[in-house]
Protein backbone atom coordinates (compact mmCIF):
# COMPACT_ATOMS: atom_id res chain seq x y z
CA UNK A 1 86.11 111.25 130.54
CA UNK A 2 83.75 112.29 127.83
CA UNK A 3 81.41 109.70 126.69
CA UNK A 4 82.83 109.93 122.90
CA UNK A 5 86.32 109.01 124.20
CA UNK A 6 84.67 106.30 126.72
CA UNK A 7 82.67 104.67 123.69
CA UNK A 8 85.92 104.81 122.00
CA UNK A 9 87.80 102.83 124.72
CA UNK A 10 85.34 100.09 125.00
CA UNK A 11 84.15 99.79 121.43
CA UNK A 12 84.78 96.25 120.98
CA UNK A 13 83.29 95.42 124.34
CA UNK A 14 80.23 97.07 123.39
CA UNK A 15 79.95 95.46 120.38
CA UNK A 16 80.20 92.31 122.01
CA UNK A 17 77.74 93.01 124.60
CA UNK A 18 75.01 93.91 121.62
CA UNK A 19 75.70 90.92 119.91
CA UNK A 20 74.92 88.80 123.02
CA UNK A 21 72.24 90.94 123.61
CA UNK A 22 70.37 90.67 120.12
CA UNK A 23 71.58 87.29 119.72
CA UNK A 24 69.91 85.91 123.13
CA UNK A 25 66.67 87.96 122.46
CA UNK A 26 66.50 86.37 118.89
CA UNK A 27 66.96 83.21 120.24
CA UNK A 28 64.18 83.75 123.03
CA UNK A 29 61.91 84.73 120.44
CA UNK A 30 62.85 81.63 117.88
CA UNK A 31 62.25 79.09 120.55
CA UNK A 32 58.71 80.37 121.56
CA UNK A 33 57.86 80.82 117.58
CA UNK A 34 58.92 76.76 117.20
CA UNK A 35 57.47 75.58 120.64
CA UNK A 36 60.47 73.88 121.71
CA UNK A 37 59.90 72.58 125.18
CA UNK A 38 63.05 73.54 126.98
CA UNK A 39 64.01 76.02 124.13
CA UNK A 40 65.97 78.01 127.07
CA UNK A 41 68.99 75.68 125.57
CA UNK A 42 69.21 77.74 122.51
CA UNK A 43 69.32 81.37 124.75
CA UNK A 44 72.10 79.71 126.71
CA UNK A 45 73.94 78.24 123.40
CA UNK A 46 74.04 81.70 122.07
CA UNK A 47 75.52 83.25 125.16
CA UNK A 48 78.12 80.74 125.33
CA UNK A 49 79.34 80.49 121.42
CA UNK A 50 79.28 83.98 120.80
CA UNK A 51 83.01 84.89 120.27
CA UNK A 52 84.76 87.87 119.84
CA UNK A 53 85.03 86.77 115.73
CA UNK A 54 83.17 85.02 113.38
CA UNK A 55 85.73 82.34 113.22
CA UNK A 56 85.73 81.67 117.21
CA UNK A 57 81.93 81.67 116.83
CA UNK A 58 81.65 79.21 114.13
CA UNK A 59 84.24 77.19 115.77
CA UNK A 60 82.23 77.08 119.54
CA UNK A 61 78.81 76.38 117.65
CA UNK A 62 80.00 73.41 115.97
CA UNK A 63 81.68 71.85 118.66
CA UNK A 64 78.75 72.47 120.99
CA UNK A 65 76.53 70.98 118.23
CA UNK A 66 79.27 67.77 117.78
CA UNK A 67 79.24 67.42 121.89
CA UNK A 68 75.42 67.68 122.20
CA UNK A 69 74.44 65.01 119.64
CA UNK A 70 77.17 62.63 121.32
CA UNK A 71 76.35 63.34 124.82
CA UNK A 72 72.45 63.27 123.88
CA UNK A 73 72.95 60.19 121.84
CA UNK A 74 74.88 58.24 124.86
CA UNK A 75 72.65 59.73 127.11
CA UNK A 76 69.73 58.74 125.49
CA UNK A 77 70.73 55.07 125.29
CA UNK A 78 71.57 54.83 129.05
CA UNK A 79 68.18 56.12 129.76
CA UNK A 80 66.43 53.38 127.70
CA UNK A 81 68.54 50.67 129.14
CA UNK A 82 68.43 51.26 132.81
CA UNK A 83 65.44 50.56 135.38
CA UNK A 84 65.02 54.09 136.87
CA UNK A 85 65.93 54.27 140.35
CA UNK A 86 68.56 55.71 142.53
CA UNK A 87 71.03 52.89 142.53
CA UNK A 88 70.73 52.52 138.95
CA UNK A 89 70.24 55.90 137.64
CA UNK A 90 73.69 56.88 139.53
CA UNK A 91 75.68 53.73 138.05
CA UNK A 92 74.38 54.76 134.61
CA UNK A 93 75.57 58.39 134.95
CA UNK A 94 78.74 57.16 136.05
CA UNK A 95 79.30 55.10 133.16
CA UNK A 96 78.23 57.62 130.78
CA UNK A 97 79.90 60.58 132.05
CA UNK A 98 83.30 58.28 132.07
CA UNK A 99 82.74 57.27 128.34
CA UNK A 100 81.77 60.79 127.42
CA UNK A 101 84.70 62.28 129.58
CA UNK A 102 87.12 59.73 127.75
CA UNK A 103 85.58 60.87 124.23
CA UNK A 104 86.18 64.52 125.27
CA UNK A 105 89.69 64.09 126.09
CA UNK A 106 90.42 62.25 123.03
CA UNK A 107 88.38 64.96 120.81
CA UNK A 108 88.42 68.26 122.53
CA UNK A 109 85.59 69.38 120.32
CA UNK A 110 83.27 66.82 122.70
CA UNK A 111 83.83 68.60 125.66
CA UNK A 112 80.14 69.53 126.22
CA UNK A 113 79.37 65.38 125.52
CA UNK A 114 79.78 64.75 129.44
CA UNK A 115 77.28 67.87 130.52
CA UNK A 116 74.88 66.76 127.93
CA UNK A 117 74.70 63.21 128.70
CA UNK A 118 74.40 64.18 132.32
CA UNK A 119 71.62 66.62 131.79
CA UNK A 120 69.57 64.45 129.74
CA UNK A 121 70.06 61.45 132.17
CA UNK A 122 69.21 63.22 135.12
CA UNK A 123 66.35 65.42 133.93
CA UNK A 124 63.83 63.62 131.82
CA UNK A 125 60.42 64.43 132.29
CA UNK A 126 58.67 61.32 133.76
CA UNK A 127 56.30 60.01 131.26
CA UNK A 128 58.27 61.60 128.08
CA UNK A 129 59.40 59.85 125.03
CA UNK A 130 63.28 59.48 125.07
CA UNK A 131 63.70 59.98 121.44
CA UNK A 132 61.78 63.02 121.41
CA UNK A 133 63.73 64.31 124.14
CA UNK A 134 66.94 63.60 122.60
CA UNK A 135 65.57 65.25 119.51
CA UNK A 136 64.20 68.28 121.21
CA UNK A 137 68.03 68.76 122.80
CA UNK A 138 69.80 68.72 119.49
CA UNK A 139 67.44 71.12 117.75
CA UNK A 140 67.58 73.29 120.65
CA UNK A 141 71.03 73.36 120.74
CA UNK A 142 71.44 73.64 116.77
CA UNK A 143 69.01 76.79 116.74
CA UNK A 144 71.14 78.36 119.44
CA UNK A 145 74.59 77.81 117.31
CA UNK A 146 72.68 78.86 114.09
CA UNK A 147 71.19 82.42 115.84
CA UNK A 148 74.65 83.10 117.42
CA UNK A 149 76.77 82.36 113.91
CA UNK A 150 74.21 84.45 112.15
CA UNK A 151 74.34 87.21 114.74
CA UNK A 152 78.13 87.26 114.36
CA UNK A 153 77.86 87.41 110.70
CA UNK A 154 75.27 90.07 110.98
CA UNK A 155 75.51 92.41 113.70
CA UNK A 156 78.67 94.30 114.03
CA UNK A 157 80.52 91.59 112.30
CA UNK A 158 84.08 91.04 113.76
CA UNK A 159 86.18 89.73 111.01
CA UNK A 160 89.49 88.23 111.62
CA UNK A 161 91.44 89.34 108.93
CA UNK A 162 91.58 93.11 110.32
CA UNK A 163 92.61 91.66 113.51
CA UNK A 164 95.70 90.08 111.98
CA UNK A 165 96.81 93.12 110.54
CA UNK A 166 96.14 95.01 113.81
CA UNK A 167 97.85 92.34 115.97
CA UNK A 168 100.76 92.23 113.26
CA UNK A 169 101.36 95.97 113.55
CA UNK A 170 101.51 95.66 117.27
CA UNK A 171 104.37 93.11 117.06
CA UNK A 172 106.34 95.25 114.78
CA UNK A 173 105.80 97.96 116.89
CA UNK A 174 107.33 96.07 119.64
CA UNK A 175 110.36 94.54 117.44
CA UNK A 176 111.25 98.22 116.57
CA UNK A 177 111.48 99.13 120.33
CA UNK A 178 113.94 96.11 120.89
CA UNK A 179 115.83 97.10 117.81
CA UNK A 180 116.24 100.43 119.55
CA UNK A 181 117.41 98.57 122.51
CA UNK A 182 120.14 96.68 120.84
CA UNK A 183 121.34 99.86 118.87
CA UNK A 184 122.17 101.60 122.42
CA UNK A 185 123.74 98.15 124.13
CA UNK A 186 126.09 98.53 120.95
CA UNK A 187 126.94 101.83 121.47
CA UNK A 188 127.15 101.98 125.29
CA UNK A 189 129.06 98.28 125.10
CA UNK A 190 126.54 96.83 127.40
CA UNK A 191 123.91 93.77 127.40
CA UNK A 192 120.59 94.71 126.13
CA UNK A 193 117.62 93.98 128.81
CA UNK A 194 115.40 92.56 126.32
CA UNK A 195 114.33 89.10 128.91
CA UNK A 196 110.66 90.67 129.37
CA UNK A 197 110.48 91.84 126.05
CA UNK A 198 111.14 88.20 124.18
CA UNK A 199 108.71 87.04 126.60
CA UNK A 200 105.78 89.38 125.47
CA UNK A 201 106.83 89.21 121.74
CA UNK A 202 106.35 85.23 121.73
CA UNK A 203 103.07 85.63 123.32
CA UNK A 204 101.84 88.57 120.52
CA UNK A 205 103.15 86.52 118.12
CA UNK A 206 100.80 83.48 119.22
CA UNK A 207 97.58 86.01 119.22
CA UNK A 208 99.04 87.05 115.46
CA UNK A 209 98.84 83.31 114.36
CA UNK A 210 95.41 82.71 116.30
CA UNK A 211 93.80 85.47 114.52
CA UNK A 212 95.27 84.44 111.25
CA UNK A 213 94.11 80.73 111.56
CA UNK A 214 90.27 82.29 112.22
CA UNK A 215 90.87 84.51 109.18
CA UNK A 216 91.41 81.33 107.38
CA UNK A 217 88.51 79.31 108.72
CA UNK A 218 85.89 82.24 107.95
CA UNK A 219 87.35 81.91 104.36
CA UNK A 220 87.19 78.32 103.93
CA UNK A 221 83.73 78.40 105.57
CA UNK A 222 82.39 81.27 103.12
CA UNK A 223 81.79 83.69 105.94
CA UNK A 224 84.21 86.03 105.07
CA UNK A 225 85.30 87.11 101.46
CA UNK A 226 88.29 88.76 99.85
CA UNK A 227 91.81 88.22 99.71
CA UNK A 228 93.43 85.95 102.15
CA UNK A 229 95.53 87.78 105.06
CA UNK A 230 98.98 88.28 103.99
CA UNK A 231 101.41 85.06 104.82
CA UNK A 232 103.22 87.61 107.49
CA UNK A 233 103.03 85.08 110.29
CA UNK A 234 106.20 83.24 109.20
CA UNK A 235 107.79 86.53 108.29
CA UNK A 236 107.09 87.86 111.65
CA UNK A 237 108.44 84.38 113.49
CA UNK A 238 111.55 84.61 111.26
CA UNK A 239 112.11 88.09 112.22
CA UNK A 240 111.86 87.56 115.93
CA UNK A 241 114.62 84.55 115.35
CA UNK A 242 116.82 86.90 113.64
CA UNK A 243 116.53 89.61 116.25
CA UNK A 244 117.52 87.00 119.05
CA UNK A 245 120.44 86.14 117.15
CA UNK A 246 121.53 90.04 116.71
CA UNK A 247 120.93 90.12 120.69
CA UNK A 248 122.91 87.01 121.57
CA UNK A 249 125.79 88.36 119.38
CA UNK A 250 126.42 91.69 121.88
CA UNK A 251 125.17 89.99 124.86
CA UNK A 252 129.04 90.60 125.72
CA UNK A 253 130.96 93.93 124.57
CA UNK A 254 132.87 93.18 121.03
CA UNK A 255 136.49 93.17 120.99
CA UNK A 256 137.78 96.72 121.51
CA UNK A 257 139.71 96.75 118.23
CA UNK A 258 136.51 95.71 116.02
CA UNK A 259 134.12 97.79 118.04
CA UNK A 260 136.06 100.65 117.42
CA UNK A 261 135.24 100.10 113.47
CA UNK A 262 131.86 98.61 113.27
CA UNK A 263 129.75 99.43 116.49
CA UNK A 264 128.61 102.68 115.41
CA UNK A 265 127.56 101.55 111.67
CA UNK A 266 126.05 98.61 113.35
CA UNK A 267 124.01 100.65 115.95
CA UNK A 268 123.03 103.32 112.98
CA UNK A 269 122.19 100.22 110.64
CA UNK A 270 119.84 98.86 113.46
CA UNK A 271 117.96 102.23 114.09
CA UNK A 272 117.47 102.58 110.57
CA UNK A 273 115.89 98.78 110.50
CA UNK A 274 113.83 99.79 113.49
CA UNK A 275 112.55 103.30 111.67
CA UNK A 276 111.64 100.68 108.76
CA UNK A 277 109.83 98.28 111.22
CA UNK A 278 107.34 101.33 112.03
CA UNK A 279 106.64 101.84 108.48
CA UNK A 280 105.89 98.53 107.88
CA UNK A 281 103.47 98.34 110.84
CA UNK A 282 101.76 102.02 109.32
CA UNK A 283 101.29 100.09 105.95
CA UNK A 284 99.88 97.11 107.76
CA UNK A 285 97.22 99.58 109.24
CA UNK A 286 96.60 101.71 106.21
CA UNK A 287 97.04 99.11 103.55
CA UNK A 288 100.04 101.09 101.98
CA UNK A 289 103.43 100.23 101.17
CA UNK A 290 106.74 100.35 103.03
CA UNK A 291 109.60 101.37 100.54
CA UNK A 292 113.28 100.74 101.65
CA UNK A 293 115.60 103.84 101.22
CA UNK A 294 117.59 104.83 104.31
CA UNK A 295 118.42 101.49 105.19
CA UNK A 296 120.32 100.69 102.28
CA UNK A 297 122.26 103.52 102.75
CA UNK A 298 123.51 102.51 106.17
CA UNK A 299 123.93 98.75 105.22
CA UNK A 300 126.41 100.28 102.55
CA UNK A 301 128.30 101.71 105.17
CA UNK A 302 128.00 98.86 107.85
CA UNK A 303 129.25 96.54 104.73
CA UNK A 304 132.16 99.02 104.17
CA UNK A 305 133.28 99.01 107.84
CA UNK A 306 133.24 95.29 108.17
CA UNK A 307 135.26 94.90 105.03
CA UNK A 308 137.73 96.92 106.58
CA UNK A 309 138.01 94.67 109.69
CA UNK A 310 139.30 91.76 107.37
CA UNK A 311 141.42 94.39 104.97
CA UNK A 312 143.24 95.97 108.17
CA UNK A 313 144.02 92.64 109.83
CA UNK A 314 141.76 93.51 112.91
CA UNK A 315 140.14 90.24 113.00
CA UNK A 316 143.36 88.43 112.54
CA UNK A 317 144.46 88.45 116.27
CA UNK A 318 141.11 87.61 117.80
CA UNK A 319 140.42 84.27 119.35
CA UNK A 320 137.79 81.68 117.76
CA UNK A 321 134.99 83.09 120.12
CA UNK A 322 135.58 86.58 119.74
CA UNK A 323 135.92 86.48 116.25
CA UNK A 324 133.03 84.48 115.94
CA UNK A 325 130.77 87.14 117.40
CA UNK A 326 131.86 89.53 115.36
CA UNK A 327 130.86 87.35 112.60
CA UNK A 328 127.82 86.32 114.09
CA UNK A 329 126.57 89.96 114.65
CA UNK A 330 127.24 90.71 110.77
CA UNK A 331 125.56 87.44 109.99
CA UNK A 332 122.37 88.21 111.99
CA UNK A 333 122.07 91.91 110.63
CA UNK A 334 122.40 90.75 107.59
CA UNK A 335 119.55 88.08 107.93
CA UNK A 336 117.48 90.45 109.75
CA UNK A 337 118.13 93.20 106.66
CA UNK A 338 116.88 90.67 104.53
CA UNK A 339 113.97 89.35 106.29
CA UNK A 340 112.54 92.86 106.93
CA UNK A 341 113.00 93.54 102.95
CA UNK A 342 111.09 90.22 102.52
CA UNK A 343 107.88 91.37 104.64
CA UNK A 344 108.07 94.92 102.86
CA UNK A 345 107.85 93.31 99.73
CA UNK A 346 104.88 91.10 100.87
CA UNK A 347 103.15 94.44 102.00
CA UNK A 348 103.89 95.81 98.77
CA UNK A 349 102.19 92.86 96.82
CA UNK A 350 99.11 93.18 99.44
CA UNK A 351 98.74 96.86 98.46
CA UNK A 352 99.12 96.21 94.82
CA UNK A 353 96.25 93.39 95.12
CA UNK A 354 94.07 95.96 96.70
CA UNK A 355 94.25 98.41 94.35
CA UNK A 356 93.46 95.75 91.64
CA UNK A 357 90.27 94.60 93.47
CA UNK A 358 89.32 98.33 93.78
CA UNK A 359 89.64 99.14 90.19
CA UNK A 360 87.87 95.79 89.12
């Protein structure tokens, strides 16, 4: 594989490695300049807190600082309160770890508190002043967190908003594929094989939601600027739910008389919506728009075909279950169409906002 292709393939991993390399080197230089007695904790902190995005790094740094403060204070109090010996230190260790472990179970942000408390209780150098030892630990961790966040912001900054858009585009491409599968199943009068697709789609939507939360945290903390990521997470979840409704409506073959009239228009409409979903994915990646054109024509054809079911009386002899599936398919397709149109409108608004900000 050519070197350029290899670098492109592992671009994000190489950027993360560069951030960790530079951040740990800066922490090493900083703790030597500041003459911190055990400043290697700053280096350890940088390595631990540097994540793949600015928001994740900030969250990890804050959690580690708060956990360190809690653990150092409780460990320091225990160190002062006991007479050092194997038994007393062991008892104090059990009590301190138990208290901090409970605190971490209640507040996961304090998960490093038990480790910090145990380290402080077990590693304090003989003759050292407890208060100074506690303050030094907090300063070292704070220094590492500060260097980690600064590195994340300044060295190949990995902001979450582009990640939201990229992951959302991946989700839309998966939805496009699923719509195509459903269209084929309608034409073949067989159930759509979507069990694994539904599971992976749910996981993919969770990653979009996580990235969106990180993007909002970056904006709230002032570490990222510009417009908020488009509110597409809820739109994607709605489209996923619509997809489930459509798939359930065709789990069993439609009644033969109804299928003869609406199967092909329904399948053609779903293919058109799948193509529109692909346009939305491209718009997310490029900042463009996804105008609706062919989809509306196919919808009119489907609507006309469905109306003819009632006009010709095909629906009348069907039992409740079969009639419900026919009407359920029409309802699910209509809701899917409206939710996809809403998503396209949001992407158009995003493109307009970007053009306005560029002109300013």
